[in-house]
Amino acid sequence: MRLEEFDYILPEGLISQYPIAKRDNSRLLIVNRQDGRVEHRTFSDIFYFMEAGDVLVINDTRVIPARLFGKKETGGGVEILILRQLKPSKPESNGKLNIWECLIKSSKKPKEGSRIFFDECLEGEVIEKGSNGKCVVQLHSNGDFHEVLDKVGRMPLPRYIKRKGGLEDRQRDLERYQTVFARNKGAIAAPTAGLHFTEGLLSKIQKKGVKIVYITVHIGLGTFMPVRVEKVEDHVLEAEYFEIKQDAASLINAAVTNDKRIIAVGTSVTRALESAVVENRIIKPATRYTSLFIYPGYQFKIVDTLITNFHLPKSTPLLLVSAFAEKAIISDAYQIAIEARYRFLSYGDGMMIL
């Protein structure tokens, strides 16, 4: 299967640069994957398309301000994207040592042992150089690490969202590039399908008798990485950490037993759920990484309905939604959304595939 089959022309003006004023005022394209019919709605209407007993599975990950700007000892500028925390190679008595796998961007890559200064409260030391621009960095904080990171770091917005670094933008992104139910720190990208939900909308969904289940998927580097191979099957997806607890698994399994729908909010939730199925549509509690790559031809085992945003051409999320519905149906739906001037990508509008 060739990657070019999943290309389309995305007008630059449709790439949303800022979130809409009220989360659930985003537009919602309803797509029926049986016959390709579409319906234009507002996201706040989404509960009309759910039924009592259905299970809505939401990602409660919290995005950390993972982008850091600093200076090398030589004075040169450095940009770091911290990816995931690694187990310390040795304990540190003050408990303030953090070892992270990072992406480093600078005119000349720092050498092992070199130091990087971000703030009077935070500095790093490169302890290992890896491949593909990755390095292992010890981050030393003067105080609680995550409190310091909240002060010094910036939200890891995708490159297609342009920012000049103003304080107003930074404050807005700290709030809006985060779901209202975010609680478990660890993601370096937002679960964007969840950005549309408000507390009020979740309350309406629950009052309708829909069960809301939270799992954790720490969205990682894979969401940023383009597919660089011509043949789709040759792409290797970066692994993401996920956790599905026993209570969540039990609610999902009960719904399956009662022939109710499992509604996944986002492609990462979909991959986690599909990774945790053992047999006969039964979810097993799990705490691990998954590198499951879903593209057309994949047979879904547990997810019945998918809520998602509009994705980049030739991207892995677009491949997943093209597997969930027929590729032709998704292609037609995207063209309809473009003609109707829907807002695309992270801060854009939503789609519900029934």
Protein backbone atom coordinates (compact mmCIF):
# COMPACT_ATOMS: atom_id res chain seq x y z
CA MET A 1 0.00 0.00 0.00
CA ARG A 2 1.55 3.29 -1.11
CA LEU A 3 1.65 6.33 1.16
CA GLU A 4 0.68 8.61 -1.74
CA GLU A 5 -2.80 7.10 -1.63
CA PHE A 6 -3.37 9.02 1.63
CA ASP A 7 -2.37 12.44 0.36
CA TYR A 8 -4.74 15.37 -0.08
CA ILE A 9 -4.42 19.13 -0.53
CA LEU A 10 -4.93 20.92 2.79
CA PRO A 11 -5.40 24.67 2.31
CA GLU A 12 -3.11 26.49 4.73
CA GLY A 13 -5.95 28.77 5.79
CA LEU A 14 -7.81 25.79 7.28
CA ILE A 15 -5.01 24.91 9.70
CA SER A 16 -6.40 26.26 12.96
CA GLN A 17 -3.88 28.44 14.82
CA TYR A 18 -5.98 29.08 17.92
CA PRO A 19 -8.72 27.21 19.76
CA ILE A 20 -12.32 28.31 19.40
CA ALA A 21 -13.59 30.49 22.28
CA LYS A 22 -15.81 27.76 23.77
CA ARG A 23 -14.58 24.19 23.47
CA ASP A 24 -17.82 22.46 22.51
CA ASN A 25 -18.78 25.15 19.98
CA SER A 26 -16.44 23.44 17.51
CA ARG A 27 -18.07 21.99 14.44
CA LEU A 28 -18.68 18.25 14.24
CA LEU A 29 -18.88 16.19 11.07
CA ILE A 30 -20.87 12.98 11.59
CA VAL A 31 -19.75 10.26 9.17
CA ASN A 32 -21.63 6.99 8.70
CA ARG A 33 -19.05 4.39 7.71
CA GLN A 34 -21.70 2.02 6.35
CA ASP A 35 -22.97 4.25 3.56
CA GLY A 36 -20.75 7.36 3.67
CA ARG A 37 -23.55 9.75 4.62
CA VAL A 38 -22.43 12.87 6.48
CA GLU A 39 -24.19 15.33 8.75
CA HIS A 40 -22.99 18.76 9.89
CA ARG A 41 -23.47 19.45 13.60
CA THR A 42 -21.94 21.34 16.51
CA PHE A 43 -19.76 19.33 18.89
CA SER A 44 -22.13 20.05 21.79
CA ASP A 45 -24.69 17.90 19.90
CA ILE A 46 -22.53 14.80 20.15
CA PHE A 47 -24.53 13.27 23.01
CA TYR A 48 -27.51 12.87 20.64
CA PHE A 49 -25.46 10.18 18.86
CA MET A 50 -24.87 8.14 22.03
CA GLU A 51 -27.17 5.71 23.76
CA ALA A 52 -27.68 4.52 27.33
CA GLY A 53 -25.20 1.77 28.14
CA ASP A 54 -22.60 2.91 25.63
CA VAL A 55 -19.09 3.44 27.01
CA LEU A 56 -17.16 6.60 26.16
CA VAL A 57 -13.42 5.98 26.59
CA ILE A 58 -11.39 9.13 27.30
CA ASN A 59 -7.67 9.75 27.69
CA ASP A 60 -6.85 11.51 30.98
CA THR A 61 -3.19 12.17 30.18
CA ARG A 62 -1.83 15.61 31.00
CA VAL A 63 0.53 17.39 28.63
CA ILE A 64 3.76 18.57 30.22
CA PRO A 65 5.41 21.81 28.99
CA ALA A 66 8.09 19.71 27.34
CA ARG A 67 9.74 22.29 25.08
CA LEU A 68 12.76 23.97 26.67
CA PHE A 69 14.99 26.74 25.33
CA GLY A 70 18.47 27.10 26.77
CA LYS A 71 22.10 27.98 26.24
CA LYS A 72 25.15 25.75 25.91
CA GLU A 73 28.29 26.50 27.88
CA THR A 74 29.65 28.04 24.68
CA GLY A 75 26.69 30.43 24.54
CA GLY A 76 24.94 28.82 21.59
CA GLY A 77 21.19 28.36 21.66
CA VAL A 78 19.58 24.97 22.24
CA GLU A 79 16.00 23.76 21.93
CA ILE A 80 15.05 20.54 23.72
CA LEU A 81 11.92 18.47 23.51
CA ILE A 82 11.79 16.08 26.45
CA LEU A 83 10.21 12.81 25.35
CA ARG A 84 9.99 10.35 28.21
CA GLN A 85 11.48 9.83 31.62
CA LEU A 86 14.04 7.05 32.00
CA LYS A 87 15.00 5.08 35.08
CA PRO A 88 17.91 6.84 36.86
CA SER A 89 21.23 5.07 36.47
CA LYS A 90 22.10 5.99 40.04
CA PRO A 91 20.17 7.49 42.95
CA GLU A 92 20.71 11.08 43.97
CA SER A 93 20.38 11.94 47.63
CA ASN A 94 18.38 15.13 47.14
CA GLY A 95 15.83 13.40 44.93
CA LYS A 96 15.95 16.14 42.30
CA LEU A 97 17.61 14.18 39.49
CA ASN A 98 15.54 13.47 36.40
CA ILE A 99 16.88 11.48 33.45
CA TRP A 100 15.01 11.98 30.20
CA GLU A 101 15.22 10.90 26.61
CA CYS A 102 15.18 14.13 24.61
CA LEU A 103 15.34 15.55 21.12
CA ILE A 104 17.97 18.30 20.88
CA LYS A 105 18.01 20.98 18.22
CA SER A 106 21.00 23.30 17.89
CA SER A 107 23.49 24.46 15.24
CA LYS A 108 25.96 21.90 16.58
CA LYS A 109 24.85 18.95 18.68
CA PRO A 110 26.11 19.14 22.29
CA LYS A 111 28.78 16.63 23.28
CA GLU A 112 28.40 14.07 26.03
CA GLY A 113 29.16 15.72 29.35
CA SER A 114 28.25 19.21 28.15
CA ARG A 115 25.86 21.32 30.21
CA ILE A 116 22.80 23.27 29.11
CA PHE A 117 21.36 26.15 31.11
CA PHE A 118 17.63 26.87 30.91
CA ASP A 119 16.94 28.98 33.99
CA GLU A 120 18.42 29.63 37.39
CA CYS A 121 16.20 26.77 38.59
CA LEU A 122 16.92 24.27 35.83
CA GLU A 123 19.96 22.95 33.97
CA GLY A 124 20.84 19.79 32.10
CA GLU A 125 23.79 17.57 31.29
CA VAL A 126 24.02 15.44 28.15
CA ILE A 127 25.00 11.98 29.36
CA GLU A 128 24.45 9.93 26.20
CA LYS A 129 24.07 10.64 22.50
CA GLY A 130 21.65 8.44 20.61
CA SER A 131 20.38 8.18 17.04
CA ASN A 132 17.85 10.28 15.11
CA GLY A 133 18.69 13.39 17.14
CA LYS A 134 17.83 11.76 20.45
CA CYS A 135 19.98 12.20 23.57
CA VAL A 136 19.76 11.22 27.21
CA VAL A 137 19.84 14.27 29.46
CA GLN A 138 20.00 14.64 33.24
CA LEU A 139 17.83 17.55 34.30
CA HIS A 140 18.69 19.14 37.63
CA SER A 141 16.02 21.32 39.19
CA ASN A 142 16.23 23.70 42.12
CA GLY A 143 12.93 22.67 43.68
CA ASP A 144 10.13 20.32 42.62
CA PHE A 145 10.88 19.30 39.04
CA HIS A 146 7.36 19.59 37.64
CA GLU A 147 6.79 22.96 39.33
CA VAL A 148 10.01 24.22 37.77
CA LEU A 149 9.03 22.73 34.39
CA ASP A 150 5.65 24.48 34.54
CA LYS A 151 7.50 27.75 35.01
CA VAL A 152 10.32 27.30 32.49
CA GLY A 153 8.91 25.00 29.80
CA ARG A 154 6.55 25.74 26.96
CA MET A 155 3.72 23.66 25.60
CA PRO A 156 5.00 21.35 22.82
CA LEU A 157 2.68 22.67 20.14
CA PRO A 158 2.96 21.10 16.69
CA ARG A 159 5.14 23.03 14.25
CA TYR A 160 2.17 23.98 12.11
CA ILE A 161 0.84 26.15 14.98
CA LYS A 162 2.82 29.37 14.75
CA ARG A 163 3.67 31.36 17.85
CA LYS A 164 5.79 34.47 18.43
CA GLY A 165 6.38 33.64 22.08
CA GLY A 166 4.04 36.24 23.57
CA LEU A 167 2.84 35.83 27.16
CA GLU A 168 -0.84 35.89 26.16
CA ASP A 169 -0.34 33.01 23.73
CA ARG A 170 1.66 31.02 26.27
CA GLN A 171 -1.03 31.39 28.92
CA ARG A 172 -3.81 30.47 26.49
CA ASP A 173 -1.95 27.37 25.28
CA LEU A 174 -1.18 26.24 28.84
CA GLU A 175 -4.94 26.05 29.42
CA ARG A 176 -6.36 25.11 26.03
CA TYR A 177 -3.76 22.60 24.81
CA GLN A 178 -5.03 20.49 27.69
CA THR A 179 -8.32 18.63 28.16
CA VAL A 180 -10.65 19.53 31.02
CA PHE A 181 -10.09 16.02 32.47
CA ALA A 182 -6.27 15.98 32.19
CA ARG A 183 -4.66 14.66 35.35
CA ASN A 184 -1.82 12.16 34.75
CA LYS A 185 1.30 14.00 33.63
CA GLY A 186 3.42 12.53 30.85
CA ALA A 187 2.20 13.42 27.33
CA ILE A 188 4.13 15.62 24.92
CA ALA A 189 1.10 16.18 22.72
CA ALA A 190 -2.55 16.74 23.55
CA PRO A 191 -5.19 14.08 22.92
CA THR A 192 -6.81 16.55 20.56
CA ALA A 193 -10.13 14.76 20.11
CA GLY A 194 -10.70 15.33 23.83
CA LEU A 195 -10.13 19.08 23.64
CA HIS A 196 -13.76 19.67 22.56
CA PHE A 197 -15.36 18.30 25.73
CA THR A 198 -16.56 20.54 28.57
CA GLU A 199 -17.70 19.58 32.05
CA GLY A 200 -21.24 20.51 31.02
CA LEU A 201 -21.16 18.29 27.95
CA LEU A 202 -19.77 15.37 29.94
CA SER A 203 -22.61 15.83 32.43
CA LYS A 204 -25.21 15.64 29.61
CA ILE A 205 -23.57 12.49 28.31
CA GLN A 206 -23.67 10.85 31.74
CA LYS A 207 -27.31 11.85 32.30
CA LYS A 208 -28.16 10.01 29.11
CA GLY A 209 -26.88 6.81 30.71
CA VAL A 210 -23.53 6.64 28.93
CA LYS A 211 -20.65 5.30 31.02
CA ILE A 212 -17.50 7.43 30.93
CA VAL A 213 -14.26 5.49 31.32
CA TYR A 214 -10.82 7.05 31.73
CA ILE A 215 -7.62 5.43 30.58
CA THR A 216 -4.15 6.99 30.32
CA VAL A 217 -2.18 7.16 27.09
CA HIS A 218 0.93 9.35 27.18
CA ILE A 219 1.07 10.59 23.60
CA GLY A 220 4.68 10.66 22.48
CA LEU A 221 6.99 11.39 19.60
CA GLY A 222 5.01 9.29 17.13
CA THR A 223 2.40 12.03 16.81
CA PHE A 224 5.08 14.42 15.48
CA MET A 225 6.92 12.01 13.22
CA PRO A 226 6.07 11.98 9.51
CA VAL A 227 5.92 8.75 7.57
CA ARG A 228 9.10 8.69 5.47
CA VAL A 229 8.65 5.42 3.60
CA GLU A 230 6.85 4.90 0.31
CA LYS A 231 5.26 1.64 1.39
CA VAL A 232 2.91 2.10 4.36
CA GLU A 233 3.66 -1.34 5.78
CA ASP A 234 7.35 -0.44 6.19
CA HIS A 235 6.71 2.36 8.69
CA VAL A 236 7.62 1.71 12.33
CA LEU A 237 5.52 3.62 14.83
CA GLU A 238 7.05 5.05 18.00
CA ALA A 239 5.75 3.26 21.10
CA GLU A 240 3.34 5.01 23.46
CA TYR A 241 2.80 4.22 27.14
CA PHE A 242 -0.74 3.36 28.19
CA GLU A 243 -2.52 2.23 31.33
CA ILE A 244 -5.94 0.58 31.52
CA LYS A 245 -6.96 -0.18 35.09
CA GLN A 246 -9.21 -3.01 36.26
CA ASP A 247 -12.27 -0.82 36.86
CA ALA A 248 -12.03 0.65 33.35
CA ALA A 249 -11.60 -2.80 31.79
CA SER A 250 -14.58 -4.15 33.75
CA LEU A 251 -16.90 -1.37 32.52
CA ILE A 252 -15.80 -1.87 28.93
CA ASN A 253 -16.21 -5.65 29.13
CA ALA A 254 -19.67 -5.32 30.68
CA ALA A 255 -20.75 -3.08 27.80
CA VAL A 256 -19.44 -5.57 25.26
CA THR A 257 -21.35 -8.38 27.02
CA ASN A 258 -24.53 -6.27 26.82
CA ASP A 259 -23.93 -5.51 23.12
CA LYS A 260 -23.34 -1.81 23.75
CA ARG A 261 -20.93 0.38 21.81
CA ILE A 262 -17.37 1.24 22.77
CA ILE A 263 -16.77 4.84 21.70
CA ALA A 264 -13.10 5.83 21.56
CA VAL A 265 -12.11 9.48 21.93
CA GLY A 266 -9.02 9.76 19.74
CA THR A 267 -6.66 7.59 17.74
CA SER A 268 -4.32 7.00 20.69
CA VAL A 269 -7.19 5.66 22.82
CA THR A 270 -8.13 3.44 19.88
CA ARG A 271 -4.60 2.02 19.64
CA ALA A 272 -4.45 1.39 23.39
CA LEU A 273 -7.81 -0.39 23.46
CA GLU A 274 -6.98 -2.49 20.42
CA SER A 275 -3.64 -3.39 22.03
CA ALA A 276 -5.32 -4.58 25.23
CA VAL A 277 -7.86 -6.96 23.67
CA VAL A 278 -7.07 -10.58 24.49
CA GLU A 279 -9.92 -12.61 22.96
CA ASN A 280 -13.66 -12.44 22.29
CA ARG A 281 -13.59 -8.65 22.57
CA ILE A 282 -12.37 -8.80 26.17
CA ILE A 283 -10.11 -6.03 27.48
CA LYS A 284 -7.36 -7.04 29.88
CA PRO A 285 -5.96 -4.45 32.33
CA ALA A 286 -2.54 -3.36 31.12
CA THR A 287 0.32 -1.01 31.93
CA ARG A 288 2.81 -1.04 29.09
CA TYR A 289 3.92 0.44 25.79
CA THR A 290 2.31 -0.22 22.44
CA SER A 291 3.68 0.31 18.95
CA LEU A 292 0.54 -1.03 17.24
CA PHE A 293 0.35 0.58 13.80
CA ILE A 294 -3.17 0.62 12.37
CA TYR A 295 -3.70 1.15 8.64
CA PRO A 296 -6.27 -0.06 6.08
CA GLY A 297 -6.74 -3.79 6.24
CA TYR A 298 -6.66 -3.87 10.04
CA GLN A 299 -9.65 -5.64 11.62
CA PHE A 300 -10.89 -3.70 14.67
CA LYS A 301 -11.56 -5.86 17.70
CA ILE A 302 -13.17 -3.57 20.28
CA VAL A 303 -13.79 0.01 19.06
CA ASP A 304 -17.22 0.57 17.51
CA THR A 305 -17.30 4.38 17.14
CA LEU A 306 -14.45 6.86 16.81
CA ILE A 307 -14.30 10.54 17.74
CA THR A 308 -11.33 12.30 16.19
CA ASN A 309 -10.05 15.51 14.61
CA PHE A 310 -8.99 16.15 11.01
CA HIS A 311 -5.42 14.98 10.43
CA LEU A 312 -2.44 15.86 8.27
CA PRO A 313 -2.05 14.28 4.83
CA LYS A 314 -0.06 11.03 4.83
CA SER A 315 -0.02 10.86 8.64
CA THR A 316 -0.45 7.81 10.87
CA PRO A 317 -3.72 9.12 12.43
CA LEU A 318 -5.16 9.57 8.94
CA LEU A 319 -4.14 5.99 8.12
CA LEU A 320 -5.95 4.80 11.26
CA VAL A 321 -9.22 6.58 10.46
CA SER A 322 -8.95 5.32 6.87
CA ALA A 323 -8.82 1.81 8.34
CA PHE A 324 -11.80 2.43 10.63
CA ALA A 325 -13.95 3.53 7.70
CA GLU A 326 -13.26 2.78 4.06
CA LYS A 327 -10.50 4.94 2.62
CA ALA A 328 -12.88 6.31 -0.02
CA ILE A 329 -15.41 7.33 2.63
CA ILE A 330 -12.78 9.19 4.64
CA SER A 331 -11.39 10.83 1.50
CA ASP A 332 -14.87 12.05 0.54
CA ALA A 333 -15.56 13.26 4.10
CA TYR A 334 -12.32 15.25 4.13
CA GLN A 335 -13.17 16.92 0.84
CA ILE A 336 -16.62 17.81 2.20
CA ALA A 337 -14.97 19.28 5.31
CA ILE A 338 -12.54 21.31 3.19
CA GLU A 339 -15.33 22.69 1.01
CA ALA A 340 -17.35 23.56 4.14
CA ARG A 341 -14.32 25.34 5.65
CA TYR A 342 -13.92 23.13 8.69
CA ARG A 343 -10.92 23.90 10.92
CA PHE A 344 -8.19 21.26 10.69
CA LEU A 345 -5.60 19.65 12.98
CA SER A 346 -4.98 20.05 16.74
CA TYR A 347 -7.04 23.16 17.45
CA GLY A 348 -9.54 22.33 14.73
CA ASP A 349 -13.00 20.79 14.52
CA GLY A 350 -14.08 17.23 15.18
CA MET A 351 -15.43 14.17 13.41
CA MET A 352 -17.51 11.29 14.74
CA ILE A 353 -17.37 8.09 12.71
CA LEU A 354 -20.36 5.85 13.39
